[in-house]
Amino acid sequence: MRILVSLFLLLAVLCTLFVLEVRRGTLAQLVDVLGDRFTPLRGPSTAPPLPDDGPECLERLSRIDGLQSKRLDAFFNDQGCGVAYPVLVQAIDGIDIEGRGLTLSCAAAERFSQWVSDEVTPLVRKHKKEPLVRIRHLGSYNCRKIGGSSVWSQHAFANAIDVAGLEFEDGSILTMTDHWESEPILKDLARTACDYFNVVLSPEYNALHHDHLHFDLGPYRTCR
């Protein structure tokens, strides 16, 4: 009888530890999205639901005029990071993506290209800027967890993009670090991205985002 009671108590302890770990991971991700204090959100993302249709997504990408991209082979590692339908996005409507481009999941590539075509280019005209030649960024795929938590970042699945600035034909450059407060176009970039991505975090979110706009297609919805 004592053995059964001991086994029951051990099982109860293990179950409790499991629940606490799950809650800790979930809470950590919520804190990452909502900030150090649970302050009211600026507003929810209005991005449409994310379809689970990898092959169909690749087909849609192939039909997007102005998108210069390359399909990559699926890749995964033993940590759980990876992408089933990765795409290297190199240019959109003649606008170069800094460096060799961005490695994104097909879904993120589709949303990013739509945002650049439908929002970024018109905003450049609206704010009477020189033609945009390059989008600066801090990367996309990165096998890591959210800082201080046990939850995987959306960067680990190439579902996230960090936009750092814009470079124009006359050589001028706008960066989140130097021009966030002085150039309204940068705040308009963040505002419009909320119609395409589930999470949009700007330099106003916290100090870790002082130099970029973070976009992702994760399970939470917030626009800050």
N, C-alpha and C. Protein backbone atom coordinates (compact mmCIF):
# COMPACT_ATOMS: atom_id res chain seq x y z
N MET A 1 0.83 -1.20 0.00
CA MET A 1 0.00 0.00 0.00
C MET A 1 0.87 1.26 0.00
N ARG A 2 1.93 1.23 0.84
CA ARG A 2 2.82 2.38 0.89
C ARG A 2 3.49 2.64 -0.46
N ILE A 3 3.81 1.54 -1.16
CA ILE A 3 4.44 1.68 -2.47
C ILE A 3 3.50 2.38 -3.44
N LEU A 4 2.22 1.99 -3.41
CA LEU A 4 1.23 2.61 -4.30
C LEU A 4 1.06 4.09 -3.99
N VAL A 5 1.02 4.41 -2.69
CA VAL A 5 0.88 5.82 -2.29
C VAL A 5 2.10 6.62 -2.76
N SER A 6 3.29 6.03 -2.60
CA SER A 6 4.51 6.73 -3.02
C SER A 6 4.52 6.97 -4.52
N LEU A 7 4.10 5.94 -5.27
CA LEU A 7 4.05 6.09 -6.72
C LEU A 7 3.05 7.16 -7.12
N PHE A 8 1.91 7.18 -6.43
CA PHE A 8 0.89 8.18 -6.73
C PHE A 8 1.41 9.59 -6.46
N LEU A 9 2.10 9.76 -5.33
CA LEU A 9 2.66 11.08 -4.99
C LEU A 9 3.72 11.50 -6.00
N LEU A 10 4.56 10.54 -6.42
CA LEU A 10 5.59 10.85 -7.40
C LEU A 10 4.97 11.28 -8.72
N LEU A 11 3.92 10.56 -9.14
CA LEU A 11 3.23 10.91 -10.38
C LEU A 11 2.61 12.30 -10.28
N ALA A 12 2.03 12.61 -9.12
CA ALA A 12 1.42 13.93 -8.93
C ALA A 12 2.47 15.03 -9.03
N VAL A 13 3.64 14.80 -8.44
CA VAL A 13 4.72 15.80 -8.49
C VAL A 13 5.19 16.01 -9.93
N LEU A 14 5.37 14.90 -10.66
CA LEU A 14 5.81 15.00 -12.05
C LEU A 14 4.80 15.76 -12.91
N CYS A 15 3.52 15.47 -12.70
CA CYS A 15 2.48 16.17 -13.46
C CYS A 15 2.48 17.66 -13.15
N THR A 16 2.66 17.98 -11.87
CA THR A 16 2.70 19.39 -11.46
C THR A 16 3.87 20.11 -12.10
N LEU A 17 5.05 19.47 -12.11
CA LEU A 17 6.22 20.07 -12.72
C LEU A 17 6.02 20.28 -14.21
N PHE A 18 5.38 19.32 -14.87
CA PHE A 18 5.11 19.44 -16.31
C PHE A 18 4.20 20.63 -16.60
N VAL A 19 3.12 20.75 -15.82
CA VAL A 19 2.18 21.86 -16.02
C VAL A 19 2.87 23.20 -15.79
N LEU A 20 3.70 23.27 -14.75
CA LEU A 20 4.41 24.52 -14.46
C LEU A 20 5.36 24.90 -15.58
N GLU A 21 6.03 23.90 -16.16
CA GLU A 21 6.97 24.18 -17.25
C GLU A 21 6.22 24.70 -18.47
N VAL A 22 5.08 24.07 -18.79
CA VAL A 22 4.28 24.53 -19.93
C VAL A 22 3.82 25.95 -19.70
N ARG A 23 3.32 26.20 -18.48
CA ARG A 23 2.84 27.55 -18.18
C ARG A 23 3.98 28.56 -18.22
N ARG A 24 5.15 28.15 -17.72
CA ARG A 24 6.29 29.05 -17.73
C ARG A 24 6.68 29.43 -19.15
N GLY A 25 6.70 28.45 -20.06
CA GLY A 25 7.04 28.74 -21.44
C GLY A 25 6.01 29.63 -22.10
N THR A 26 4.72 29.34 -21.85
CA THR A 26 3.66 30.15 -22.44
C THR A 26 3.70 31.57 -21.91
N LEU A 27 3.90 31.69 -20.59
CA LEU A 27 3.97 33.02 -19.99
C LEU A 27 5.16 33.80 -20.53
N ALA A 28 6.28 33.09 -20.71
CA ALA A 28 7.47 33.78 -21.22
C ALA A 28 7.21 34.35 -22.59
N GLN A 29 6.51 33.59 -23.44
CA GLN A 29 6.23 34.10 -24.78
C GLN A 29 5.26 35.27 -24.71
N LEU A 30 4.28 35.20 -23.81
CA LEU A 30 3.35 36.31 -23.67
C LEU A 30 4.07 37.56 -23.19
N VAL A 31 5.00 37.39 -22.25
CA VAL A 31 5.77 38.54 -21.77
C VAL A 31 6.59 39.12 -22.91
N ASP A 32 7.16 38.24 -23.75
CA ASP A 32 7.95 38.73 -24.88
C ASP A 32 7.10 39.55 -25.82
N VAL A 33 5.84 39.15 -26.00
CA VAL A 33 4.95 39.87 -26.91
C VAL A 33 4.39 41.12 -26.25
N LEU A 34 4.01 41.02 -24.98
CA LEU A 34 3.31 42.12 -24.33
C LEU A 34 4.24 43.10 -23.62
N GLY A 35 5.48 42.70 -23.38
CA GLY A 35 6.41 43.61 -22.73
C GLY A 35 6.60 43.25 -21.27
N ASP A 36 7.50 43.98 -20.62
CA ASP A 36 7.80 43.68 -19.22
C ASP A 36 6.59 43.90 -18.32
N ARG A 37 5.73 44.84 -18.68
CA ARG A 37 4.49 45.06 -17.94
C ARG A 37 3.34 44.77 -18.89
N PHE A 38 2.26 44.25 -18.37
CA PHE A 38 1.13 43.90 -19.23
C PHE A 38 0.33 45.16 -19.55
N THR A 39 0.94 46.02 -20.36
CA THR A 39 0.32 47.27 -20.74
C THR A 39 -0.67 47.03 -21.87
N PRO A 40 -1.67 47.91 -22.03
CA PRO A 40 -2.63 47.74 -23.11
C PRO A 40 -1.94 47.75 -24.46
N LEU A 41 -2.42 46.94 -25.38
CA LEU A 41 -1.85 46.89 -26.71
C LEU A 41 -2.28 48.11 -27.50
N ARG A 42 -1.41 48.52 -28.42
CA ARG A 42 -1.79 49.60 -29.33
C ARG A 42 -2.96 49.16 -30.18
N GLY A 43 -2.97 47.90 -30.53
CA GLY A 43 -4.07 47.36 -31.32
C GLY A 43 -3.71 45.98 -31.80
N PRO A 44 -4.71 45.14 -32.07
CA PRO A 44 -4.42 43.80 -32.56
C PRO A 44 -4.00 43.82 -34.02
N SER A 45 -3.27 42.80 -34.41
CA SER A 45 -2.96 42.64 -35.82
C SER A 45 -4.24 42.34 -36.58
N THR A 46 -4.32 42.85 -37.79
CA THR A 46 -5.48 42.57 -38.64
C THR A 46 -5.09 41.68 -39.82
N ALA A 47 -3.96 40.99 -39.69
CA ALA A 47 -3.51 40.10 -40.76
C ALA A 47 -4.49 38.95 -40.95
N PRO A 48 -4.70 38.51 -42.19
CA PRO A 48 -5.60 37.38 -42.42
C PRO A 48 -5.02 36.09 -41.88
N PRO A 49 -5.84 35.07 -41.66
CA PRO A 49 -5.34 33.79 -41.16
C PRO A 49 -4.25 33.22 -42.07
N LEU A 50 -3.33 32.50 -41.47
CA LEU A 50 -2.21 31.93 -42.22
C LEU A 50 -2.60 30.57 -42.78
N PRO A 51 -2.61 30.42 -44.11
CA PRO A 51 -2.97 29.11 -44.69
C PRO A 51 -1.84 28.11 -44.51
N ASP A 52 -2.20 26.86 -44.33
CA ASP A 52 -1.22 25.78 -44.19
C ASP A 52 -1.16 25.04 -45.53
N ASP A 53 -0.48 25.65 -46.49
CA ASP A 53 -0.51 25.11 -47.85
C ASP A 53 0.82 25.34 -48.56
N GLY A 54 1.87 24.70 -48.06
CA GLY A 54 3.21 24.92 -48.59
C GLY A 54 3.33 24.85 -50.10
N PRO A 55 2.95 23.73 -50.74
CA PRO A 55 3.08 23.63 -52.20
C PRO A 55 2.26 24.69 -52.94
N GLU A 56 1.05 24.94 -52.45
CA GLU A 56 0.22 25.97 -53.09
C GLU A 56 0.84 27.35 -52.91
N CYS A 57 1.45 27.58 -51.75
CA CYS A 57 2.12 28.86 -51.50
C CYS A 57 3.25 29.07 -52.50
N LEU A 58 4.04 28.04 -52.72
CA LEU A 58 5.14 28.16 -53.69
C LEU A 58 4.61 28.47 -55.08
N GLU A 59 3.49 27.88 -55.42
CA GLU A 59 2.88 28.15 -56.72
C GLU A 59 2.43 29.60 -56.81
N ARG A 60 1.83 30.12 -55.73
CA ARG A 60 1.40 31.53 -55.74
C ARG A 60 2.61 32.46 -55.86
N LEU A 61 3.69 32.13 -55.16
CA LEU A 61 4.89 32.97 -55.25
C LEU A 61 5.41 33.05 -56.68
N SER A 62 5.35 31.93 -57.38
CA SER A 62 5.87 31.89 -58.75
C SER A 62 5.09 32.79 -59.69
N ARG A 63 3.88 33.18 -59.27
CA ARG A 63 3.04 34.01 -60.13
C ARG A 63 3.06 35.49 -59.72
N ILE A 64 3.84 35.84 -58.70
CA ILE A 64 3.89 37.24 -58.25
C ILE A 64 4.84 38.02 -59.15
N ASP A 65 4.29 38.97 -59.88
CA ASP A 65 5.12 39.81 -60.74
C ASP A 65 6.04 40.68 -59.88
N GLY A 66 7.27 40.78 -60.30
CA GLY A 66 8.20 41.66 -59.60
C GLY A 66 8.94 41.00 -58.46
N LEU A 67 8.59 39.76 -58.12
CA LEU A 67 9.28 39.06 -57.03
C LEU A 67 10.44 38.26 -57.59
N GLN A 68 11.63 38.59 -57.15
CA GLN A 68 12.82 37.82 -57.52
C GLN A 68 13.19 36.94 -56.34
N SER A 69 12.99 35.65 -56.50
CA SER A 69 13.22 34.73 -55.39
C SER A 69 13.73 33.40 -55.92
N LYS A 70 14.19 32.58 -54.99
CA LYS A 70 14.72 31.27 -55.34
C LYS A 70 14.23 30.26 -54.31
N ARG A 71 13.65 29.19 -54.79
CA ARG A 71 13.20 28.14 -53.88
C ARG A 71 14.41 27.38 -53.35
N LEU A 72 14.42 27.12 -52.05
CA LEU A 72 15.51 26.39 -51.42
C LEU A 72 15.02 25.02 -50.96
N ASP A 73 15.96 24.13 -50.72
CA ASP A 73 15.60 22.82 -50.19
C ASP A 73 15.20 22.94 -48.72
N ALA A 74 14.27 22.10 -48.31
CA ALA A 74 13.87 22.08 -46.91
C ALA A 74 15.08 21.77 -46.03
N PHE A 75 15.10 22.37 -44.85
CA PHE A 75 16.21 22.09 -43.93
C PHE A 75 15.70 22.10 -42.49
N PHE A 76 16.26 21.21 -41.69
CA PHE A 76 15.92 21.09 -40.28
C PHE A 76 17.19 20.68 -39.53
N ASN A 77 17.22 20.96 -38.23
CA ASN A 77 18.34 20.49 -37.43
C ASN A 77 17.83 19.72 -36.22
N ASP A 78 18.75 19.18 -35.43
CA ASP A 78 18.35 18.34 -34.31
C ASP A 78 17.80 19.12 -33.13
N GLN A 79 17.80 20.46 -33.23
CA GLN A 79 17.22 21.28 -32.17
C GLN A 79 15.74 21.57 -32.41
N GLY A 80 15.26 21.24 -33.59
CA GLY A 80 13.87 21.51 -33.91
C GLY A 80 13.65 22.72 -34.79
N CYS A 81 14.74 23.40 -35.16
CA CYS A 81 14.62 24.55 -36.06
C CYS A 81 14.59 24.07 -37.51
N GLY A 82 14.04 24.89 -38.38
CA GLY A 82 14.06 24.55 -39.79
C GLY A 82 12.83 25.03 -40.52
N VAL A 83 12.83 24.79 -41.82
CA VAL A 83 11.75 25.27 -42.68
C VAL A 83 11.43 24.20 -43.72
N ALA A 84 10.15 23.92 -43.87
CA ALA A 84 9.72 22.91 -44.85
C ALA A 84 9.71 23.46 -46.27
N TYR A 85 9.34 24.74 -46.41
CA TYR A 85 9.25 25.36 -47.74
C TYR A 85 9.98 26.71 -47.73
N PRO A 86 11.31 26.67 -47.66
CA PRO A 86 12.06 27.93 -47.59
C PRO A 86 12.22 28.59 -48.96
N VAL A 87 12.30 29.91 -48.92
CA VAL A 87 12.47 30.71 -50.14
C VAL A 87 13.49 31.81 -49.86
N LEU A 88 14.40 32.03 -50.79
CA LEU A 88 15.34 33.15 -50.69
C LEU A 88 14.75 34.32 -51.47
N VAL A 89 14.36 35.37 -50.76
CA VAL A 89 13.79 36.57 -51.39
C VAL A 89 14.92 37.55 -51.64
N GLN A 90 15.13 37.89 -52.92
CA GLN A 90 16.27 38.73 -53.30
C GLN A 90 15.88 40.15 -53.70
N ALA A 91 14.71 40.31 -54.29
CA ALA A 91 14.25 41.64 -54.70
C ALA A 91 12.74 41.61 -54.91
N ILE A 92 12.11 42.78 -54.69
CA ILE A 92 10.66 42.90 -54.88
C ILE A 92 10.40 44.21 -55.62
N ASP A 93 9.79 44.11 -56.78
CA ASP A 93 9.49 45.29 -57.60
C ASP A 93 10.74 46.12 -57.86
N GLY A 94 11.86 45.46 -58.08
CA GLY A 94 13.10 46.16 -58.35
C GLY A 94 13.80 46.69 -57.11
N ILE A 95 13.23 46.46 -55.94
CA ILE A 95 13.83 46.91 -54.68
C ILE A 95 14.68 45.77 -54.14
N ASP A 96 15.96 46.03 -54.01
CA ASP A 96 16.90 45.01 -53.56
C ASP A 96 16.72 44.72 -52.07
N ILE A 97 16.88 43.46 -51.71
CA ILE A 97 16.89 43.07 -50.30
C ILE A 97 18.36 42.96 -49.89
N GLU A 98 18.76 43.73 -48.92
CA GLU A 98 20.16 43.87 -48.55
C GLU A 98 20.89 42.53 -48.46
N GLY A 99 22.16 42.56 -48.86
CA GLY A 99 22.98 41.36 -48.81
C GLY A 99 22.56 40.35 -49.86
N ARG A 100 22.55 39.10 -49.49
CA ARG A 100 22.16 38.04 -50.41
C ARG A 100 20.66 37.83 -50.44
N GLY A 101 19.93 38.59 -49.63
CA GLY A 101 18.49 38.42 -49.55
C GLY A 101 18.08 37.87 -48.20
N LEU A 102 16.83 37.44 -48.11
CA LEU A 102 16.27 36.92 -46.87
C LEU A 102 15.78 35.49 -47.09
N THR A 103 16.20 34.58 -46.22
CA THR A 103 15.67 33.22 -46.25
C THR A 103 14.43 33.19 -45.37
N LEU A 104 13.28 32.95 -46.01
CA LEU A 104 12.00 33.00 -45.31
C LEU A 104 11.19 31.74 -45.59
N SER A 105 10.27 31.45 -44.69
CA SER A 105 9.27 30.44 -45.01
C SER A 105 8.44 30.97 -46.17
N CYS A 106 7.83 30.09 -46.91
CA CYS A 106 7.04 30.55 -48.06
C CYS A 106 5.95 31.52 -47.61
N ALA A 107 5.30 31.22 -46.50
CA ALA A 107 4.22 32.09 -46.02
C ALA A 107 4.75 33.48 -45.70
N ALA A 108 5.90 33.56 -45.02
CA ALA A 108 6.48 34.86 -44.68
C ALA A 108 6.93 35.59 -45.94
N ALA A 109 7.47 34.85 -46.90
CA ALA A 109 7.90 35.47 -48.16
C ALA A 109 6.70 36.07 -48.90
N GLU A 110 5.59 35.36 -48.88
CA GLU A 110 4.39 35.84 -49.56
C GLU A 110 3.87 37.12 -48.91
N ARG A 111 3.78 37.11 -47.58
CA ARG A 111 3.28 38.30 -46.88
C ARG A 111 4.24 39.48 -47.05
N PHE A 112 5.54 39.20 -46.97
CA PHE A 112 6.53 40.27 -47.08
C PHE A 112 6.47 40.92 -48.46
N SER A 113 6.37 40.10 -49.50
CA SER A 113 6.32 40.64 -50.86
C SER A 113 5.04 41.44 -51.07
N GLN A 114 3.93 40.98 -50.50
CA GLN A 114 2.67 41.72 -50.61
C GLN A 114 2.79 43.07 -49.91
N TRP A 115 3.39 43.07 -48.73
CA TRP A 115 3.54 44.31 -47.97
C TRP A 115 4.41 45.32 -48.71
N VAL A 116 5.53 44.86 -49.26
CA VAL A 116 6.41 45.77 -49.99
C VAL A 116 5.70 46.35 -51.20
N SER A 117 5.02 45.50 -51.97
CA SER A 117 4.35 45.97 -53.19
C SER A 117 3.16 46.88 -52.88
N ASP A 118 2.34 46.47 -51.92
CA ASP A 118 1.08 47.17 -51.67
C ASP A 118 1.21 48.36 -50.74
N GLU A 119 2.23 48.37 -49.89
CA GLU A 119 2.33 49.42 -48.86
C GLU A 119 3.61 50.24 -48.94
N VAL A 120 4.76 49.57 -49.02
CA VAL A 120 6.03 50.30 -48.93
C VAL A 120 6.22 51.23 -50.13
N THR A 121 6.03 50.71 -51.33
CA THR A 121 6.22 51.54 -52.52
C THR A 121 5.26 52.74 -52.53
N PRO A 122 3.96 52.56 -52.25
CA PRO A 122 3.07 53.72 -52.18
C PRO A 122 3.46 54.71 -51.07
N LEU A 123 3.97 54.21 -49.94
CA LEU A 123 4.37 55.11 -48.86
C LEU A 123 5.57 55.97 -49.27
N VAL A 124 6.46 55.40 -50.05
CA VAL A 124 7.61 56.17 -50.53
C VAL A 124 7.12 57.34 -51.38
N ARG A 125 6.12 57.09 -52.23
CA ARG A 125 5.56 58.17 -53.05
C ARG A 125 4.80 59.17 -52.19
N LYS A 126 4.02 58.67 -51.25
CA LYS A 126 3.22 59.54 -50.38
C LYS A 126 4.10 60.52 -49.62
N HIS A 127 5.23 60.04 -49.13
CA HIS A 127 6.13 60.89 -48.34
C HIS A 127 7.16 61.61 -49.20
N LYS A 128 6.96 61.53 -50.53
CA LYS A 128 7.81 62.27 -51.48
C LYS A 128 9.29 61.98 -51.29
N LYS A 129 9.59 60.70 -51.18
CA LYS A 129 10.98 60.27 -51.08
C LYS A 129 11.51 59.91 -52.46
N GLU A 130 12.83 59.83 -52.55
CA GLU A 130 13.46 59.35 -53.77
C GLU A 130 13.08 57.88 -53.98
N PRO A 131 13.21 57.38 -55.21
CA PRO A 131 12.90 55.97 -55.44
C PRO A 131 13.67 55.06 -54.48
N LEU A 132 12.97 54.08 -53.95
CA LEU A 132 13.57 53.14 -53.00
C LEU A 132 14.37 52.08 -53.76
N VAL A 133 15.61 51.87 -53.36
CA VAL A 133 16.44 50.89 -54.06
C VAL A 133 16.79 49.68 -53.19
N ARG A 134 16.69 49.83 -51.86
CA ARG A 134 17.12 48.71 -51.01
C ARG A 134 16.41 48.75 -49.66
N ILE A 135 16.02 47.56 -49.20
CA ILE A 135 15.50 47.41 -47.84
C ILE A 135 16.59 46.80 -46.98
N ARG A 136 16.94 47.51 -45.92
CA ARG A 136 17.95 47.01 -44.99
C ARG A 136 17.29 46.15 -43.92
N HIS A 137 18.01 45.14 -43.48
CA HIS A 137 17.41 44.22 -42.50
C HIS A 137 18.48 43.66 -41.58
N LEU A 138 18.02 43.01 -40.51
CA LEU A 138 18.91 42.35 -39.55
C LEU A 138 18.78 40.84 -39.62
N GLY A 139 18.11 40.36 -40.66
CA GLY A 139 18.04 38.92 -40.86
C GLY A 139 16.65 38.35 -40.66
N SER A 140 16.56 37.06 -40.89
CA SER A 140 15.29 36.35 -40.75
C SER A 140 15.52 35.03 -40.01
N TYR A 141 16.02 34.00 -40.70
CA TYR A 141 16.21 32.70 -40.05
C TYR A 141 17.34 32.76 -39.03
N ASN A 142 17.03 32.28 -37.82
CA ASN A 142 18.03 32.23 -36.75
C ASN A 142 17.53 31.21 -35.73
N CYS A 143 18.24 30.11 -35.60
CA CYS A 143 17.80 29.03 -34.70
C CYS A 143 18.06 29.44 -33.25
N ARG A 144 17.06 30.06 -32.65
CA ARG A 144 17.20 30.52 -31.27
C ARG A 144 15.85 30.59 -30.59
N LYS A 145 15.89 30.67 -29.27
CA LYS A 145 14.67 30.85 -28.50
C LYS A 145 14.50 32.32 -28.14
N ILE A 146 13.29 32.68 -27.74
CA ILE A 146 13.04 34.04 -27.28
C ILE A 146 13.89 34.27 -26.04
N GLY A 147 14.54 35.42 -25.99
CA GLY A 147 15.44 35.71 -24.89
C GLY A 147 14.80 35.52 -23.53
N GLY A 148 15.45 34.74 -22.67
CA GLY A 148 14.97 34.53 -21.32
C GLY A 148 13.81 33.58 -21.19
N SER A 149 13.55 32.78 -22.24
CA SER A 149 12.42 31.85 -22.17
C SER A 149 12.80 30.51 -22.78
N SER A 150 11.88 29.56 -22.66
CA SER A 150 12.08 28.24 -23.27
C SER A 150 11.29 28.10 -24.56
N VAL A 151 10.74 29.20 -25.04
CA VAL A 151 9.89 29.19 -26.23
C VAL A 151 10.71 29.55 -27.46
N TRP A 152 10.54 28.79 -28.52
CA TRP A 152 11.27 29.07 -29.75
C TRP A 152 10.79 30.38 -30.38
N SER A 153 11.75 31.18 -30.82
CA SER A 153 11.43 32.38 -31.58
C SER A 153 10.90 31.98 -32.96
N GLN A 154 10.08 32.83 -33.56
CA GLN A 154 9.62 32.58 -34.92
C GLN A 154 10.78 32.69 -35.92
N HIS A 155 11.88 33.30 -35.50
CA HIS A 155 13.07 33.31 -36.35
C HIS A 155 13.59 31.89 -36.57
N ALA A 156 13.34 31.00 -35.62
CA ALA A 156 13.82 29.62 -35.73
C ALA A 156 13.14 28.86 -36.86
N PHE A 157 12.03 29.41 -37.36
CA PHE A 157 11.29 28.75 -38.44
C PHE A 157 11.21 29.65 -39.68
N ALA A 158 12.04 30.71 -39.70
CA ALA A 158 12.07 31.68 -40.81
C ALA A 158 10.71 32.33 -41.02
N ASN A 159 9.95 32.45 -39.93
CA ASN A 159 8.64 33.10 -39.97
C ASN A 159 8.72 34.54 -39.49
N ALA A 160 9.93 35.07 -39.32
CA ALA A 160 10.10 36.41 -38.78
C ALA A 160 11.12 37.19 -39.61
N ILE A 161 10.93 38.51 -39.63
CA ILE A 161 11.79 39.41 -40.39
C ILE A 161 12.08 40.63 -39.52
N ASP A 162 13.32 41.09 -39.53
CA ASP A 162 13.69 42.31 -38.81
C ASP A 162 14.13 43.37 -39.83
N VAL A 163 13.28 44.36 -40.06
CA VAL A 163 13.57 45.42 -41.03
C VAL A 163 14.27 46.57 -40.31
N ALA A 164 15.45 46.95 -40.82
CA ALA A 164 16.27 47.96 -40.14
C ALA A 164 16.19 49.34 -40.77
N GLY A 165 15.87 49.42 -42.07
CA GLY A 165 15.83 50.74 -42.68
C GLY A 165 15.61 50.69 -44.18
N LEU A 166 15.66 51.88 -44.79
CA LEU A 166 15.42 52.04 -46.22
C LEU A 166 16.58 52.81 -46.84
N GLU A 167 16.95 52.41 -48.05
CA GLU A 167 18.02 53.09 -48.78
C GLU A 167 17.46 53.57 -50.12
N PHE A 168 17.71 54.85 -50.45
CA PHE A 168 17.10 55.47 -51.62
C PHE A 168 18.10 55.71 -52.74
N GLU A 169 17.55 56.03 -53.91
CA GLU A 169 18.36 56.16 -55.11
C GLU A 169 19.44 57.23 -54.99
N ASP A 170 19.16 58.30 -54.24
CA ASP A 170 20.14 59.38 -54.10
C ASP A 170 21.21 59.08 -53.05
N GLY A 171 21.17 57.87 -52.49
CA GLY A 171 22.17 57.48 -51.50
C GLY A 171 21.76 57.74 -50.06
N SER A 172 20.64 58.42 -49.85
CA SER A 172 20.18 58.68 -48.48
C SER A 172 19.64 57.40 -47.86
N ILE A 173 19.75 57.32 -46.55
CA ILE A 173 19.35 56.13 -45.80
C ILE A 173 18.54 56.54 -44.58
N LEU A 174 17.44 55.86 -44.36
CA LEU A 174 16.65 56.05 -43.14
C LEU A 174 16.77 54.78 -42.31
N THR A 175 17.11 54.93 -41.05
CA THR A 175 17.20 53.77 -40.16
C THR A 175 16.27 53.95 -38.97
N MET A 176 15.85 52.84 -38.40
CA MET A 176 15.00 52.90 -37.21
C MET A 176 15.76 53.55 -36.05
N THR A 177 17.05 53.30 -35.99
CA THR A 177 17.86 53.85 -34.90
C THR A 177 17.91 55.37 -34.93
N ASP A 178 18.13 55.94 -36.12
CA ASP A 178 18.39 57.38 -36.21
C ASP A 178 17.17 58.22 -36.60
N HIS A 179 16.15 57.60 -37.20
CA HIS A 179 15.09 58.41 -37.79
C HIS A 179 13.68 58.02 -37.36
N TRP A 180 13.55 57.14 -36.38
CA TRP A 180 12.22 56.68 -35.99
C TRP A 180 11.30 57.84 -35.59
N GLU A 181 11.80 58.78 -34.83
CA GLU A 181 10.98 59.89 -34.36
C GLU A 181 10.83 61.01 -35.40
N SER A 182 11.81 61.15 -36.27
CA SER A 182 11.81 62.30 -37.18
C SER A 182 11.22 62.02 -38.55
N GLU A 183 11.09 60.75 -38.94
CA GLU A 183 10.60 60.41 -40.27
C GLU A 183 9.29 59.62 -40.17
N PRO A 184 8.15 60.26 -40.43
CA PRO A 184 6.85 59.60 -40.30
C PRO A 184 6.69 58.34 -41.14
N ILE A 185 7.43 58.24 -42.24
CA ILE A 185 7.29 57.06 -43.10
C ILE A 185 7.62 55.78 -42.34
N LEU A 186 8.54 55.85 -41.38
CA LEU A 186 8.93 54.65 -40.65
C LEU A 186 7.80 54.14 -39.77
N LYS A 187 7.08 55.06 -39.14
CA LYS A 187 5.93 54.64 -38.33
C LYS A 187 4.80 54.13 -39.21
N ASP A 188 4.70 54.69 -40.41
CA ASP A 188 3.70 54.19 -41.36
C ASP A 188 4.03 52.77 -41.81
N LEU A 189 5.32 52.47 -41.93
CA LEU A 189 5.72 51.11 -42.28
C LEU A 189 5.22 50.13 -41.22
N ALA A 190 5.43 50.48 -39.96
CA ALA A 190 4.99 49.61 -38.87
C ALA A 190 3.47 49.47 -38.85
N ARG A 191 2.78 50.59 -39.02
CA ARG A 191 1.31 50.57 -38.98
C ARG A 191 0.74 49.68 -40.07
N THR A 192 1.23 49.83 -41.30
CA THR A 192 0.67 49.05 -42.40
C THR A 192 1.03 47.57 -42.31
N ALA A 193 2.16 47.25 -41.69
CA ALA A 193 2.57 45.84 -41.57
C ALA A 193 1.59 45.04 -40.73
N CYS A 194 0.82 45.72 -39.89
CA CYS A 194 -0.14 45.03 -39.03
C CYS A 194 -1.26 44.36 -39.83
N ASP A 195 -1.40 44.73 -41.09
CA ASP A 195 -2.40 44.08 -41.94
C ASP A 195 -1.85 42.83 -42.63
N TYR A 196 -0.57 42.55 -42.41
CA TYR A 196 0.06 41.43 -43.11
C TYR A 196 0.71 40.42 -42.17
N PHE A 197 1.13 40.88 -40.99
CA PHE A 197 1.83 40.01 -40.04
C PHE A 197 1.07 39.94 -38.72
N ASN A 198 1.18 38.80 -38.05
CA ASN A 198 0.48 38.62 -36.78
C ASN A 198 1.08 39.46 -35.66
N VAL A 199 2.40 39.60 -35.68
CA VAL A 199 3.09 40.38 -34.66
C VAL A 199 3.96 41.43 -35.35
N VAL A 200 3.80 42.68 -34.91
CA VAL A 200 4.64 43.78 -35.37
C VAL A 200 5.15 44.52 -34.14
N LEU A 201 6.46 44.54 -33.96
CA LEU A 201 7.07 45.22 -32.81
C LEU A 201 8.00 46.30 -33.33
N SER A 202 7.83 47.51 -32.82
CA SER A 202 8.60 48.66 -33.28
C SER A 202 9.57 49.13 -32.21
N PRO A 203 10.37 50.17 -32.49
CA PRO A 203 11.25 50.73 -31.45
C PRO A 203 10.50 51.22 -30.22
N GLU A 204 9.20 51.44 -30.32
CA GLU A 204 8.43 51.87 -29.17
C GLU A 204 8.10 50.72 -28.23
N TYR A 205 8.33 49.50 -28.68
CA TYR A 205 8.00 48.32 -27.86
C TYR A 205 8.95 48.18 -26.68
N ASN A 206 10.25 48.05 -26.97
CA ASN A 206 11.24 48.01 -25.89
C ASN A 206 12.63 48.29 -26.47
N ALA A 207 13.62 48.37 -25.60
CA ALA A 207 14.97 48.75 -26.02
C ALA A 207 15.59 47.74 -26.98
N LEU A 208 15.19 46.48 -26.88
CA LEU A 208 15.76 45.46 -27.77
C LEU A 208 15.35 45.67 -29.22
N HIS A 209 14.30 46.45 -29.44
CA HIS A 209 13.82 46.69 -30.81
C HIS A 209 14.10 48.13 -31.26
N HIS A 210 15.09 48.76 -30.65
CA HIS A 210 15.37 50.16 -30.98
C HIS A 210 15.87 50.35 -32.40
N ASP A 211 16.41 49.28 -33.01
CA ASP A 211 17.03 49.43 -34.32
C ASP A 211 16.31 48.68 -35.44
N HIS A 212 15.10 48.17 -35.17
CA HIS A 212 14.42 47.44 -36.24
C HIS A 212 12.92 47.31 -35.98
N LEU A 213 12.21 46.96 -37.03
CA LEU A 213 10.81 46.53 -36.93
C LEU A 213 10.81 45.01 -37.02
N HIS A 214 10.19 44.38 -36.05
CA HIS A 214 10.10 42.92 -36.05
C HIS A 214 8.72 42.52 -36.55
N PHE A 215 8.68 41.69 -37.60
CA PHE A 215 7.43 41.14 -38.13
C PHE A 215 7.48 39.63 -37.98
N ASP A 216 6.38 39.01 -37.56
CA ASP A 216 6.36 37.55 -37.59
C ASP A 216 4.95 37.02 -37.76
N LEU A 217 4.88 35.72 -38.06
CA LEU A 217 3.61 35.03 -38.31
C LEU A 217 3.34 34.01 -37.21
N GLY A 218 3.74 34.32 -35.99
CA GLY A 218 3.53 33.42 -34.87
C GLY A 218 2.07 33.38 -34.42
N PRO A 219 1.79 32.64 -33.33
CA PRO A 219 0.41 32.42 -32.90
C PRO A 219 -0.24 33.61 -32.21
N TYR A 220 0.56 34.57 -31.74
CA TYR A 220 -0.01 35.72 -31.05
C TYR A 220 -0.24 36.87 -32.01
N ARG A 221 -1.12 37.79 -31.60
CA ARG A 221 -1.44 38.93 -32.46
C ARG A 221 -1.30 40.22 -31.67
N THR A 222 -0.37 41.04 -32.08
CA THR A 222 -0.20 42.33 -31.45
C THR A 222 0.53 43.26 -32.40
N CYS A 223 0.27 44.54 -32.24
CA CYS A 223 0.89 45.56 -33.08
C CYS A 223 1.35 46.68 -32.17
N ARG A 224 2.66 46.74 -31.92
CA ARG A 224 3.18 47.73 -30.97
C ARG A 224 4.37 48.44 -31.57
